[in-house]
N, C-alpha and C. Protein backbone atom coordinates (compact mmCIF):
# COMPACT_ATOMS: atom_id res chain seq x y z
N MET A 1 0.86 -1.15 0.01
CA MET A 1 0.00 0.05 0.00
C MET A 1 0.89 1.21 -0.03
N VAL A 2 0.43 2.24 -0.75
CA VAL A 2 1.16 3.54 -0.78
C VAL A 2 0.18 4.58 -0.24
N TYR A 3 0.70 5.37 0.76
CA TYR A 3 -0.11 6.41 1.29
C TYR A 3 0.47 7.72 0.80
N GLN A 4 -0.38 8.46 0.10
CA GLN A 4 -0.04 9.74 -0.44
C GLN A 4 -1.22 10.69 -0.43
N SER A 5 -0.96 11.88 0.04
CA SER A 5 -2.04 12.93 0.15
C SER A 5 -3.34 12.34 0.78
N HIS A 6 -3.15 11.70 1.96
CA HIS A 6 -4.25 11.20 2.72
C HIS A 6 -5.02 10.15 1.96
N VAL A 7 -4.43 9.58 0.93
CA VAL A 7 -5.10 8.53 0.14
C VAL A 7 -4.28 7.27 0.20
N ALA A 8 -4.87 6.11 0.34
CA ALA A 8 -4.16 4.82 0.34
C ALA A 8 -4.54 4.13 -0.97
N ARG A 9 -3.51 3.65 -1.61
CA ARG A 9 -3.84 2.90 -2.79
C ARG A 9 -2.80 1.71 -2.90
N GLN A 10 -3.16 0.81 -3.71
CA GLN A 10 -2.38 -0.41 -3.76
C GLN A 10 -1.20 -0.24 -4.75
N THR A 11 -0.01 -0.79 -4.42
CA THR A 11 1.12 -0.71 -5.30
C THR A 11 0.88 -1.57 -6.51
N ASP A 12 1.34 -1.05 -7.70
CA ASP A 12 1.21 -1.77 -8.94
C ASP A 12 1.95 -3.09 -8.80
N PRO A 13 1.42 -4.24 -9.22
CA PRO A 13 2.11 -5.51 -9.14
C PRO A 13 3.32 -5.59 -10.02
N ALA A 14 3.43 -4.83 -11.11
CA ALA A 14 4.55 -4.82 -12.03
C ALA A 14 5.79 -4.41 -11.28
N VAL A 15 5.61 -3.55 -10.15
CA VAL A 15 6.78 -3.11 -9.40
C VAL A 15 7.35 -4.34 -8.64
N TYR A 16 6.46 -5.12 -8.09
CA TYR A 16 6.95 -6.34 -7.33
C TYR A 16 7.65 -7.37 -8.26
N ARG A 17 7.17 -7.43 -9.50
CA ARG A 17 7.79 -8.42 -10.40
C ARG A 17 9.20 -8.04 -10.81
N ARG A 18 9.42 -6.76 -10.77
CA ARG A 18 10.81 -6.23 -11.16
C ARG A 18 11.77 -6.47 -9.97
N HIS A 19 12.93 -7.01 -10.30
CA HIS A 19 13.90 -7.34 -9.26
C HIS A 19 14.76 -6.11 -8.99
N PHE A 20 14.95 -5.69 -7.73
CA PHE A 20 15.77 -4.51 -7.39
C PHE A 20 17.04 -4.94 -6.74
N ILE A 21 17.21 -6.17 -6.21
CA ILE A 21 18.43 -6.61 -5.53
C ILE A 21 18.67 -8.02 -5.95
N GLY A 22 19.90 -8.48 -5.86
CA GLY A 22 20.20 -9.87 -6.15
C GLY A 22 20.68 -10.02 -7.54
N HIS A 23 20.88 -11.36 -7.84
CA HIS A 23 21.45 -11.77 -9.16
C HIS A 23 20.51 -11.36 -10.32
N ALA A 24 19.25 -11.55 -10.15
CA ALA A 24 18.28 -11.25 -11.17
C ALA A 24 18.29 -9.71 -11.49
N ALA A 25 18.49 -8.85 -10.50
CA ALA A 25 18.55 -7.40 -10.67
C ALA A 25 19.84 -7.04 -11.54
N ARG A 26 21.01 -7.67 -11.15
CA ARG A 26 22.27 -7.51 -11.90
C ARG A 26 22.08 -7.88 -13.30
N LEU A 27 21.48 -9.00 -13.60
CA LEU A 27 21.23 -9.49 -15.00
C LEU A 27 20.31 -8.49 -15.76
N ARG A 28 19.25 -8.04 -15.05
CA ARG A 28 18.33 -7.05 -15.71
C ARG A 28 19.10 -5.77 -15.97
N ARG A 29 19.94 -5.31 -15.09
CA ARG A 29 20.71 -4.09 -15.29
C ARG A 29 21.74 -4.26 -16.36
N ILE A 30 22.42 -5.40 -16.44
CA ILE A 30 23.36 -5.68 -17.54
C ILE A 30 22.59 -5.65 -18.91
N ASN A 31 21.44 -6.24 -18.98
CA ASN A 31 20.66 -6.23 -20.22
C ASN A 31 20.25 -4.84 -20.62
N GLU A 32 19.89 -4.02 -19.62
CA GLU A 32 19.48 -2.60 -19.88
C GLU A 32 20.71 -1.83 -20.48
N ILE A 33 21.84 -2.01 -19.78
CA ILE A 33 23.07 -1.33 -20.20
C ILE A 33 23.47 -1.80 -21.55
N ASP A 34 23.38 -3.11 -21.87
CA ASP A 34 23.70 -3.61 -23.15
C ASP A 34 22.85 -3.10 -24.26
N SER A 35 21.53 -3.04 -23.95
CA SER A 35 20.67 -2.51 -24.98
C SER A 35 20.92 -1.01 -25.23
N ARG A 36 21.28 -0.21 -24.19
CA ARG A 36 21.52 1.17 -24.29
C ARG A 36 22.81 1.37 -25.02
N LEU A 37 23.87 0.57 -24.75
CA LEU A 37 25.08 0.64 -25.45
C LEU A 37 24.98 0.30 -26.94
N SER A 38 24.13 -0.71 -27.20
CA SER A 38 23.84 -1.08 -28.62
C SER A 38 23.20 0.14 -29.33
N GLU A 39 22.27 0.77 -28.62
CA GLU A 39 21.62 1.97 -29.29
C GLU A 39 22.63 3.07 -29.45
N LEU A 40 23.52 3.27 -28.46
CA LEU A 40 24.53 4.34 -28.67
C LEU A 40 25.54 4.05 -29.80
N VAL A 41 25.91 2.75 -29.95
CA VAL A 41 26.78 2.30 -30.96
C VAL A 41 26.13 2.57 -32.34
N ARG A 42 24.87 2.24 -32.46
CA ARG A 42 24.11 2.44 -33.70
C ARG A 42 24.03 3.94 -33.98
N ILE A 43 23.73 4.75 -33.04
CA ILE A 43 23.68 6.23 -33.23
C ILE A 43 25.05 6.80 -33.61
N LEU A 44 26.11 6.30 -32.90
CA LEU A 44 27.49 6.66 -33.28
C LEU A 44 27.84 6.27 -34.66
N SER A 45 27.48 5.09 -35.06
CA SER A 45 27.75 4.64 -36.36
C SER A 45 27.05 5.48 -37.44
N ASP A 46 25.79 5.77 -37.21
CA ASP A 46 25.02 6.64 -38.11
C ASP A 46 25.63 8.09 -38.15
N ALA A 47 26.05 8.60 -37.01
CA ALA A 47 26.71 9.89 -37.01
C ALA A 47 28.05 9.91 -37.76
N GLU A 48 28.78 8.85 -37.58
CA GLU A 48 30.09 8.74 -38.30
C GLU A 48 29.87 8.65 -39.78
N ARG A 49 28.86 7.90 -40.18
CA ARG A 49 28.59 7.82 -41.61
C ARG A 49 28.06 9.15 -42.17
N ASP A 50 27.27 9.89 -41.40
CA ASP A 50 26.79 11.17 -41.75
C ASP A 50 27.93 12.15 -41.83
N TYR A 51 28.90 12.13 -40.86
CA TYR A 51 30.00 13.00 -40.80
C TYR A 51 30.90 12.81 -42.09
N ALA A 52 31.09 11.60 -42.46
CA ALA A 52 31.93 11.29 -43.63
C ALA A 52 31.23 11.80 -44.86
N TRP A 53 29.91 11.67 -44.95
CA TRP A 53 29.16 12.16 -46.09
C TRP A 53 29.28 13.72 -46.08
N ILE A 54 29.18 14.33 -44.95
CA ILE A 54 29.24 15.84 -44.87
C ILE A 54 30.67 16.28 -45.29
N GLU A 55 31.70 15.55 -44.85
CA GLU A 55 33.06 15.90 -45.24
C GLU A 55 33.22 15.81 -46.77
N GLN A 56 32.77 14.77 -47.35
CA GLN A 56 32.78 14.51 -48.79
C GLN A 56 32.07 15.57 -49.48
N THR A 57 30.90 15.99 -49.05
CA THR A 57 30.14 17.02 -49.67
C THR A 57 30.76 18.35 -49.55
N LEU A 58 31.38 18.70 -48.37
CA LEU A 58 32.10 19.93 -48.15
C LEU A 58 33.27 20.07 -49.13
N LYS A 59 34.05 18.94 -49.31
CA LYS A 59 35.12 18.91 -50.28
C LYS A 59 34.65 19.25 -51.68
N SER A 60 33.53 18.59 -52.05
CA SER A 60 32.93 18.84 -53.38
C SER A 60 32.50 20.29 -53.52
N ILE A 61 31.94 20.85 -52.49
CA ILE A 61 31.49 22.21 -52.58
C ILE A 61 32.65 23.10 -52.70
N ASN A 62 33.70 22.93 -51.84
CA ASN A 62 34.89 23.77 -51.96
C ASN A 62 35.59 23.64 -53.28
N THR A 63 35.53 22.51 -53.89
CA THR A 63 36.17 22.31 -55.25
C THR A 63 35.32 23.07 -56.36
N SER A 64 34.06 22.92 -56.20
CA SER A 64 33.19 23.51 -57.27
C SER A 64 32.87 25.01 -57.04
N LEU A 65 33.11 25.55 -55.88
CA LEU A 65 32.81 26.97 -55.59
C LEU A 65 33.53 27.90 -56.49
N PRO A 66 34.85 27.85 -56.78
CA PRO A 66 35.52 28.71 -57.69
C PRO A 66 34.99 28.57 -59.14
N GLN A 67 34.65 27.30 -59.51
CA GLN A 67 34.12 27.16 -60.89
C GLN A 67 32.72 27.73 -60.95
N ALA A 68 31.97 27.69 -59.92
CA ALA A 68 30.63 28.26 -59.97
C ALA A 68 30.68 29.76 -59.99
N ALA A 69 31.74 30.37 -59.40
CA ALA A 69 31.89 31.78 -59.42
C ALA A 69 32.26 32.30 -60.86
N ARG A 70 32.87 31.40 -61.62
CA ARG A 70 33.29 31.81 -63.01
C ARG A 70 32.17 31.54 -63.98
N LEU A 71 31.11 30.90 -63.56
CA LEU A 71 30.02 30.46 -64.45
C LEU A 71 29.45 31.64 -65.29
N PRO A 72 29.19 32.80 -64.69
CA PRO A 72 28.64 33.90 -65.57
C PRO A 72 29.64 34.31 -66.61
N GLU A 73 30.91 34.39 -66.26
CA GLU A 73 31.93 34.71 -67.18
C GLU A 73 32.07 33.70 -68.40
N LEU A 74 31.94 32.43 -67.99
CA LEU A 74 32.02 31.36 -69.00
C LEU A 74 30.81 31.40 -69.89
N MET A 75 29.65 31.69 -69.40
CA MET A 75 28.45 31.86 -70.23
C MET A 75 28.61 33.01 -71.20
N GLU A 76 29.14 34.14 -70.70
CA GLU A 76 29.32 35.24 -71.57
C GLU A 76 30.33 34.98 -72.69
N SER A 77 31.39 34.28 -72.35
CA SER A 77 32.43 33.90 -73.35
C SER A 77 31.84 32.90 -74.37
N ALA A 78 30.96 32.06 -73.92
CA ALA A 78 30.33 31.15 -74.87
C ALA A 78 29.44 31.88 -75.83
N VAL A 79 28.82 32.90 -75.40
CA VAL A 79 27.93 33.75 -76.27
C VAL A 79 28.83 34.45 -77.26
N ARG A 80 30.06 34.86 -76.90
CA ARG A 80 30.93 35.61 -77.74
C ARG A 80 31.81 34.65 -78.63
N ALA A 81 31.65 33.40 -78.48
CA ALA A 81 32.49 32.41 -79.16
C ALA A 81 32.52 32.57 -80.73
N PRO A 82 31.35 32.71 -81.35
CA PRO A 82 31.44 32.95 -82.81
C PRO A 82 32.26 34.14 -83.25
N PHE A 83 32.20 35.21 -82.52
CA PHE A 83 32.97 36.39 -82.81
C PHE A 83 34.44 36.17 -82.58
N ALA A 84 34.79 35.32 -81.59
CA ALA A 84 36.12 35.01 -81.25
C ALA A 84 36.82 34.26 -82.39
N GLN A 85 36.04 33.42 -83.09
CA GLN A 85 36.60 32.66 -84.19
C GLN A 85 37.04 33.58 -85.23
N GLU A 86 36.31 34.64 -85.56
CA GLU A 86 36.76 35.64 -86.51
C GLU A 86 38.04 36.31 -86.10
N GLN A 87 38.17 36.66 -84.83
CA GLN A 87 39.38 37.26 -84.31
C GLN A 87 40.58 36.29 -84.34
N ILE A 88 40.29 35.06 -84.12
CA ILE A 88 41.42 34.05 -84.22
C ILE A 88 41.88 33.94 -85.63
N ASP A 89 40.96 33.95 -86.62
CA ASP A 89 41.36 33.91 -88.03
C ASP A 89 42.15 35.09 -88.45
N SER A 90 41.66 36.30 -87.92
CA SER A 90 42.40 37.56 -88.17
C SER A 90 43.83 37.56 -87.63
N CYS A 91 43.98 37.00 -86.40
CA CYS A 91 45.26 36.89 -85.76
C CYS A 91 46.20 35.92 -86.53
N ARG A 92 45.59 34.81 -87.07
CA ARG A 92 46.40 33.84 -87.86
C ARG A 92 46.95 34.57 -89.13
N ARG A 93 46.06 35.30 -89.77
CA ARG A 93 46.51 36.04 -90.96
C ARG A 93 47.61 37.06 -90.61
N GLN A 94 47.53 37.73 -89.47
CA GLN A 94 48.58 38.62 -89.09
C GLN A 94 49.87 37.96 -88.75
N LEU A 95 49.73 36.75 -88.09
CA LEU A 95 50.90 35.98 -87.73
C LEU A 95 51.64 35.51 -89.02
N ALA A 96 50.87 35.11 -90.00
CA ALA A 96 51.45 34.67 -91.24
C ALA A 96 52.16 35.81 -91.99
N GLY A 97 51.69 37.04 -91.79
CA GLY A 97 52.36 38.13 -92.42
C GLY A 97 53.58 38.73 -91.67
N ILE A 98 53.87 38.17 -90.56
CA ILE A 98 55.00 38.75 -89.77
C ILE A 98 56.32 38.30 -90.39
N ASP A 99 57.26 39.16 -90.48
CA ASP A 99 58.56 38.83 -91.00
C ASP A 99 59.42 38.24 -89.92
N ARG A 100 59.85 37.00 -90.11
CA ARG A 100 60.60 36.31 -89.03
C ARG A 100 62.00 36.93 -88.82
N ASN A 101 62.55 37.50 -89.87
CA ASN A 101 63.87 38.11 -89.79
C ASN A 101 63.85 39.31 -88.82
N GLU A 102 62.76 40.10 -88.94
CA GLU A 102 62.62 41.28 -87.96
C GLU A 102 62.50 40.78 -86.52
N ILE A 103 61.85 39.68 -86.29
CA ILE A 103 61.69 39.15 -84.97
C ILE A 103 63.10 38.73 -84.42
N ALA A 104 63.84 38.02 -85.30
CA ALA A 104 65.21 37.58 -84.88
C ALA A 104 66.06 38.80 -84.56
N ALA A 105 66.03 39.85 -85.41
CA ALA A 105 66.80 41.03 -85.14
C ALA A 105 66.30 41.70 -83.77
N LEU A 106 65.07 41.75 -83.59
CA LEU A 106 64.55 42.32 -82.27
C LEU A 106 65.01 41.46 -81.12
N GLU A 107 65.01 40.15 -81.26
CA GLU A 107 65.42 39.31 -80.16
C GLU A 107 66.91 39.43 -79.85
N THR A 108 67.66 39.61 -80.96
CA THR A 108 69.18 39.87 -80.82
C THR A 108 69.36 41.22 -80.12
N GLU A 109 68.69 42.24 -80.51
CA GLU A 109 68.76 43.58 -79.89
C GLU A 109 68.30 43.48 -78.38
N HIS A 110 67.26 42.67 -78.09
CA HIS A 110 66.76 42.56 -76.77
C HIS A 110 67.81 41.83 -75.87
N ALA A 111 68.50 40.88 -76.45
CA ALA A 111 69.56 40.18 -75.73
C ALA A 111 70.74 41.14 -75.42
N GLY A 112 71.12 41.98 -76.42
CA GLY A 112 72.14 42.92 -76.16
C GLY A 112 71.74 43.95 -75.05
N VAL A 113 70.53 44.40 -75.14
CA VAL A 113 70.05 45.41 -74.13
C VAL A 113 70.07 44.71 -72.78
N ALA A 114 69.65 43.48 -72.71
CA ALA A 114 69.61 42.74 -71.39
C ALA A 114 71.01 42.53 -70.85
N GLU A 115 71.91 42.30 -71.74
CA GLU A 115 73.36 42.12 -71.30
C GLU A 115 73.91 43.47 -70.83
N SER A 116 73.56 44.55 -71.51
CA SER A 116 74.00 45.89 -71.15
C SER A 116 73.39 46.24 -69.77
N ILE A 117 72.24 45.89 -69.53
CA ILE A 117 71.51 46.21 -68.30
C ILE A 117 72.25 45.42 -67.14
N LYS A 118 72.56 44.18 -67.38
CA LYS A 118 73.30 43.32 -66.37
C LYS A 118 74.68 43.97 -66.07
N ASP A 119 75.40 44.40 -67.13
CA ASP A 119 76.68 45.05 -66.94
C ASP A 119 76.54 46.29 -66.12
N ARG A 120 75.55 47.10 -66.45
CA ARG A 120 75.36 48.37 -65.68
C ARG A 120 74.91 48.14 -64.27
N GLU A 121 74.13 47.07 -64.06
CA GLU A 121 73.75 46.75 -62.71
C GLU A 121 74.95 46.32 -61.94
N ALA A 122 75.87 45.51 -62.54
CA ALA A 122 77.06 45.08 -61.86
C ALA A 122 77.98 46.24 -61.50
N ALA A 123 78.03 47.24 -62.48
CA ALA A 123 78.83 48.47 -62.25
C ALA A 123 78.24 49.31 -61.11
N LEU A 124 76.89 49.36 -61.14
CA LEU A 124 76.23 50.09 -60.08
C LEU A 124 76.44 49.42 -58.72
N MET A 125 76.37 48.12 -58.72
CA MET A 125 76.64 47.42 -57.46
C MET A 125 78.07 47.68 -56.92
N ALA A 126 79.03 47.63 -57.90
CA ALA A 126 80.44 47.90 -57.51
C ALA A 126 80.59 49.30 -56.96
N PHE A 127 79.92 50.25 -57.66
CA PHE A 127 79.96 51.65 -57.28
C PHE A 127 79.31 51.85 -55.92
N SER A 128 78.22 51.17 -55.60
CA SER A 128 77.53 51.26 -54.28
C SER A 128 78.45 50.69 -53.30
N THR A 129 79.16 49.57 -53.54
CA THR A 129 80.06 49.01 -52.60
C THR A 129 81.24 49.95 -52.33
N ALA A 130 81.73 50.55 -53.37
CA ALA A 130 82.84 51.51 -53.18
C ALA A 130 82.41 52.69 -52.42
N VAL A 131 81.18 53.19 -52.65
CA VAL A 131 80.62 54.30 -51.87
C VAL A 131 80.56 53.96 -50.44
N GLY A 132 80.03 52.82 -50.18
CA GLY A 132 79.87 52.27 -48.80
C GLY A 132 81.25 52.21 -48.10
N GLN A 133 82.29 51.67 -48.80
CA GLN A 133 83.57 51.51 -48.19
C GLN A 133 84.15 52.96 -47.97
N LEU A 134 83.97 53.84 -48.94
CA LEU A 134 84.46 55.22 -48.70
C LEU A 134 83.75 55.91 -47.59
N THR A 135 82.47 55.67 -47.45
CA THR A 135 81.70 56.26 -46.29
C THR A 135 82.28 55.76 -44.98
N GLU A 136 82.54 54.51 -44.90
CA GLU A 136 83.11 53.91 -43.70
C GLU A 136 84.50 54.49 -43.44
N ARG A 137 85.27 54.61 -44.56
CA ARG A 137 86.65 55.23 -44.41
C ARG A 137 86.57 56.71 -43.93
N ILE A 138 85.61 57.48 -44.43
CA ILE A 138 85.37 58.83 -44.03
C ILE A 138 85.03 58.85 -42.55
N LYS A 139 84.20 58.00 -42.12
CA LYS A 139 83.85 57.94 -40.65
C LYS A 139 85.09 57.64 -39.85
N GLN A 140 85.86 56.62 -40.30
CA GLN A 140 87.04 56.27 -39.54
C GLN A 140 88.03 57.44 -39.47
N LEU A 141 88.25 58.13 -40.61
CA LEU A 141 89.13 59.31 -40.67
C LEU A 141 88.62 60.33 -39.75
N GLY A 142 87.30 60.52 -39.67
CA GLY A 142 86.76 61.57 -38.74
C GLY A 142 87.03 61.19 -37.33
N ILE A 143 86.91 59.89 -37.00
CA ILE A 143 87.23 59.47 -35.66
C ILE A 143 88.76 59.63 -35.36
N ASP A 144 89.59 59.36 -36.41
CA ASP A 144 90.99 59.48 -36.23
C ASP A 144 91.37 60.95 -36.11
N PHE A 145 90.73 61.87 -36.90
CA PHE A 145 90.92 63.23 -36.85
C PHE A 145 90.55 63.80 -35.52
N SER A 146 89.39 63.28 -34.96
CA SER A 146 88.99 63.80 -33.62
C SER A 146 90.02 63.41 -32.56
N GLY A 147 90.52 62.16 -32.68
CA GLY A 147 91.59 61.70 -31.84
C GLY A 147 92.91 62.48 -31.92
N ALA A 148 93.23 62.83 -33.14
CA ALA A 148 94.46 63.65 -33.44
C ALA A 148 94.28 65.06 -32.82
N GLN A 149 93.08 65.61 -32.97
CA GLN A 149 92.81 66.92 -32.37
C GLN A 149 92.94 66.85 -30.92
N GLN A 150 92.34 65.83 -30.29
CA GLN A 150 92.47 65.64 -28.84
C GLN A 150 93.94 65.56 -28.42
N SER A 151 94.63 64.73 -29.16
CA SER A 151 96.13 64.56 -28.83
C SER A 151 96.88 65.86 -28.98
N LEU A 152 96.52 66.59 -30.03
CA LEU A 152 97.11 67.94 -30.29
C LEU A 152 96.84 68.87 -29.12
N ARG A 153 95.59 68.88 -28.69
CA ARG A 153 95.15 69.72 -27.56
C ARG A 153 95.97 69.33 -26.33
N SER A 154 96.04 68.00 -26.06
CA SER A 154 96.80 67.52 -24.88
C SER A 154 98.22 67.94 -25.01
N ALA A 155 98.81 67.80 -26.19
CA ALA A 155 100.23 68.13 -26.43
C ALA A 155 100.45 69.62 -26.19
N ALA A 156 99.47 70.45 -26.71
CA ALA A 156 99.59 71.89 -26.50
C ALA A 156 99.50 72.23 -25.09
N GLU A 157 98.59 71.64 -24.35
CA GLU A 157 98.51 71.93 -22.90
C GLU A 157 99.75 71.48 -22.18
N ALA A 158 100.31 70.35 -22.50
CA ALA A 158 101.53 69.88 -21.88
C ALA A 158 102.71 70.81 -22.21
N PHE A 159 102.74 71.30 -23.53
CA PHE A 159 103.78 72.25 -23.88
C PHE A 159 103.62 73.53 -23.21
N ASN A 160 102.42 74.03 -23.05
CA ASN A 160 102.18 75.29 -22.31
C ASN A 160 102.55 75.07 -20.82
N GLU A 161 102.22 74.01 -20.22
CA GLU A 161 102.66 73.77 -18.86
C GLU A 161 104.18 73.74 -18.74
N LEU A 162 104.83 72.99 -19.67
CA LEU A 162 106.29 72.96 -19.70
C LEU A 162 106.94 74.32 -19.88
N LEU A 163 106.35 75.09 -20.80
CA LEU A 163 106.80 76.42 -21.03
C LEU A 163 106.62 77.31 -19.83
N ALA A 164 105.41 77.13 -19.15
CA ALA A 164 105.21 77.91 -17.90
C ALA A 164 106.17 77.52 -16.82
N SER A 165 106.49 76.24 -16.71
CA SER A 165 107.46 75.78 -15.68
C SER A 165 108.87 76.31 -15.98
N VAL A 166 109.22 76.19 -17.28
CA VAL A 166 110.53 76.71 -17.68
C VAL A 166 110.64 78.15 -17.44
N ASP A 167 109.61 78.87 -17.80
CA ASP A 167 109.59 80.34 -17.65
C ASP A 167 109.71 80.69 -16.14
N SER A 168 109.05 80.00 -15.25
CA SER A 168 109.09 80.25 -13.86
C SER A 168 110.53 79.90 -13.33
N GLU A 169 111.16 78.93 -13.88
CA GLU A 169 112.57 78.51 -13.50
C GLU A 169 113.51 79.64 -13.88
N PHE A 170 113.29 80.19 -15.10
CA PHE A 170 114.16 81.28 -15.56
C PHE A 170 113.99 82.49 -14.69
N GLN A 171 112.79 82.83 -14.31
CA GLN A 171 112.48 83.94 -13.45
C GLN A 171 113.11 83.73 -12.09
N LYS A 172 113.10 82.48 -11.51
CA LYS A 172 113.66 82.24 -10.23
C LYS A 172 115.18 82.42 -10.28
N SER A 173 115.72 81.94 -11.39
CA SER A 173 117.19 82.06 -11.48
C SER A 173 117.66 83.48 -11.83
N GLY A 174 116.76 84.23 -12.19
CA GLY A 174 117.13 85.66 -12.50
C GLY A 174 117.39 85.92 -14.03
N LEU A 175 117.26 84.91 -14.79
CA LEU A 175 117.45 85.09 -16.20
C LEU A 175 116.12 85.41 -16.81
N VAL A 176 116.21 86.40 -17.65
CA VAL A 176 115.02 86.84 -18.33
C VAL A 176 115.17 86.66 -19.81
N VAL A 177 114.28 86.10 -20.39
CA VAL A 177 114.28 85.85 -21.82
C VAL A 177 113.49 86.89 -22.53
N GLN A 178 114.10 87.57 -23.48
CA GLN A 178 113.44 88.65 -24.19
C GLN A 178 112.75 88.02 -25.35
N PRO A 179 111.47 88.35 -25.53
CA PRO A 179 110.75 87.83 -26.71
C PRO A 179 111.28 88.47 -27.99
N ARG A 180 111.33 87.85 -29.05
CA ARG A 180 111.83 88.37 -30.28
C ARG A 180 110.70 88.94 -31.10
């Protein structure tokens, strides 16, 4: 009997038939888990198949997307195709009329100009290198010049100190040097 909300009613007999403890309950639970796992495996298998199909479809879409973008252009060129044949024929006639000797002369001249450009580029590179070296040499000479100026100042100061000491020695000894 179940008592709920001041009402007594009889428990459903199906509840008693179901095992909740013991070996029969474990077997029932194993069967339930097995059936649920089988269902999950089926769902996973279906999802994997669907995923593979989606990947295949996505690759096909990515492959065809650039071609689909060109479709209007291709349709327009198909419409112009008859006029293009006339242009092709005109170009063939012009090609037949071209003097091959002139082309050979132009190619020779082109090769000469290309060689001249290479020579001038090499000369420019050599000039740039020389300018860089001279710039570095000028910087070094500036540093050397600054050092020489400093040495000259130091020597002048030492000379002036020596001259002052010699001058004071002469004055102490009573000798006077007349400037010329």
